[in-house]
Amino acid sequence: MLLREEQTAAYTVEIWKRFRKWGGIPTGITQNVKDLLASREIANIFENSDFIYMLNQAGGDRQILAKQLNISPHQLGYVTNSNAGEGLLFYGNVIIPFVDHFPKDTELYSIMTTRPEDLAEQ
């Protein structure tokens, strides 16, 4: 929400850059990268991120990310109709495909899940 307004977007970008400069690890999350990259100012946040954890992506977002991050067609397969816990990790210039099927019968899973059907069972 803060990134929609020009003034708060500029302030957020400045904070992001300063935190990184001071050794911090700012963290952001978005479901649609199109929204994030729609603003040149906000695109700076994406470009100033060393670590990206990418899960299943919609077609339009996949194409944008493939261009921005130089993802090969083979690597795109890891974020195309992928299952929960499958995707790509980006760290600097390294791209690592991953499959992480976290055990659902643990206390940690019950604390971390955001799936409505899992929360309803609790």
Protein backbone atom coordinates (compact mmCIF):
# COMPACT_ATOMS: atom_id res chain seq x y z
CA MET A 1 0.00 0.00 0.00
CA LEU A 2 2.83 2.39 0.86
CA LEU A 3 4.43 1.84 -2.52
CA ARG A 4 1.39 3.23 -4.38
CA GLU A 5 2.01 6.82 -3.28
CA GLU A 6 4.99 8.65 -4.77
CA GLN A 7 6.19 10.20 -1.50
CA THR A 8 6.01 7.02 0.60
CA ALA A 9 7.45 4.98 -2.27
CA ALA A 10 10.50 7.27 -2.48
CA TYR A 11 10.93 7.10 1.30
CA THR A 12 10.68 3.29 1.26
CA VAL A 13 13.33 3.03 -1.45
CA GLU A 14 15.65 5.32 0.54
CA ILE A 15 15.16 3.24 3.70
CA TRP A 16 15.78 0.03 1.73
CA LYS A 17 19.07 1.35 0.36
CA ARG A 18 20.23 2.71 3.73
CA PHE A 19 19.43 -0.52 5.59
CA ARG A 20 21.50 -2.46 3.04
CA LYS A 21 24.36 0.06 3.35
CA TRP A 22 24.33 -0.35 7.14
CA GLY A 23 24.46 -4.17 6.87
CA GLY A 24 20.74 -4.75 7.33
CA ILE A 25 18.72 -7.28 5.41
CA PRO A 26 15.51 -5.59 4.28
CA THR A 27 12.81 -8.04 3.23
CA GLY A 28 9.83 -7.58 0.96
CA ILE A 29 7.16 -9.80 -0.54
CA THR A 30 4.79 -9.45 -3.47
CA GLN A 31 2.39 -11.72 -5.30
CA ASN A 32 2.56 -9.80 -8.57
CA VAL A 33 5.91 -8.50 -9.70
CA LYS A 34 4.14 -6.38 -12.33
CA ASP A 35 2.88 -4.17 -9.51
CA LEU A 36 6.35 -3.84 -8.03
CA LEU A 37 8.07 -3.03 -11.31
CA ALA A 38 5.37 -0.65 -12.59
CA SER A 39 7.22 2.23 -10.94
CA ARG A 40 10.83 2.97 -11.88
CA GLU A 41 11.40 4.17 -8.33
CA ILE A 42 10.12 0.92 -6.82
CA ALA A 43 12.03 -1.15 -9.37
CA ASN A 44 15.13 0.09 -7.51
CA ILE A 45 14.13 -2.08 -4.55
CA PHE A 46 14.06 -5.13 -6.80
CA GLU A 47 17.37 -4.19 -8.40
CA ASN A 48 18.96 -3.66 -4.97
CA SER A 49 18.00 -7.10 -3.67
CA ASP A 50 20.70 -9.77 -3.47
CA PHE A 51 18.36 -12.59 -2.50
CA ILE A 52 15.12 -13.56 -4.25
CA TYR A 53 12.94 -16.56 -3.35
CA MET A 54 10.61 -17.18 -6.28
CA LEU A 55 7.65 -19.54 -6.24
CA ASN A 56 5.02 -20.30 -8.91
CA GLN A 57 4.48 -17.26 -11.15
CA ALA A 58 1.68 -16.17 -13.47
CA GLY A 59 2.58 -16.08 -17.17
CA GLY A 60 2.99 -12.31 -17.45
CA ASP A 61 5.10 -12.11 -14.30
CA ARG A 62 7.25 -15.04 -15.47
CA GLN A 63 8.13 -13.20 -18.68
CA ILE A 64 9.01 -10.00 -16.80
CA LEU A 65 11.18 -11.91 -14.32
CA ALA A 66 12.84 -13.97 -17.06
CA LYS A 67 13.96 -10.75 -18.72
CA GLN A 68 14.97 -8.96 -15.48
CA LEU A 69 16.86 -11.91 -13.99
CA ASN A 70 18.12 -13.66 -17.14
CA ILE A 71 16.21 -16.86 -16.38
CA SER A 72 16.57 -19.59 -18.99
CA PRO A 73 13.51 -21.38 -20.41
CA HIS A 74 14.59 -24.52 -18.51
CA GLN A 75 14.82 -22.61 -15.22
CA LEU A 76 11.39 -21.05 -15.84
CA GLY A 77 10.00 -24.57 -15.62
CA TYR A 78 10.59 -24.44 -11.84
CA VAL A 79 8.15 -21.52 -11.48
CA THR A 80 5.62 -22.61 -14.11
CA ASN A 81 2.64 -24.47 -12.65
CA SER A 82 4.89 -25.58 -9.80
CA ASN A 83 3.63 -27.07 -6.56
CA ALA A 84 3.81 -25.45 -3.13
CA GLY A 85 7.39 -25.35 -1.87
CA GLU A 86 8.98 -25.48 -5.34
CA GLY A 87 10.75 -22.67 -7.14
CA LEU A 88 14.00 -20.81 -7.70
CA LEU A 89 16.44 -19.14 -5.32
CA PHE A 90 18.54 -16.23 -6.56
CA TYR A 91 21.60 -15.13 -4.66
CA GLY A 92 23.78 -12.69 -6.54
CA ASN A 93 24.45 -14.32 -9.91
CA VAL A 94 23.58 -17.85 -8.75
CA ILE A 95 20.20 -19.44 -9.55
CA ILE A 96 19.27 -22.60 -7.65
CA PRO A 97 16.11 -24.64 -8.29
CA PHE A 98 14.60 -26.12 -5.12
CA VAL A 99 11.90 -28.46 -3.88
CA ASP A 100 11.02 -28.06 -0.20
CA HIS A 101 8.10 -30.15 0.98
CA PHE A 102 7.92 -29.01 4.58
CA PRO A 103 6.36 -31.66 6.85
CA LYS A 104 2.78 -30.65 7.66
CA ASP A 105 2.52 -32.68 10.85
CA THR A 106 4.83 -30.43 12.86
CA GLU A 107 4.20 -27.66 15.36
CA LEU A 108 6.39 -25.32 13.30
CA TYR A 109 4.20 -25.84 10.22
CA SER A 110 1.06 -25.10 12.21
CA ILE A 111 2.61 -21.82 13.37
CA MET A 112 3.90 -20.75 9.95
CA THR A 113 1.13 -21.81 7.57
CA THR A 114 -0.91 -19.15 5.82
CA ARG A 115 -3.19 -21.61 4.04
CA PRO A 116 -6.81 -20.94 5.09
CA GLU A 117 -7.72 -24.64 5.00
CA ASP A 118 -4.86 -25.46 7.41
CA LEU A 119 -5.86 -22.64 9.74
CA ALA A 120 -9.50 -23.80 9.74
CA GLU A 121 -8.38 -27.24 11.00
CA GLN A 122 -6.65 -25.66 14.01
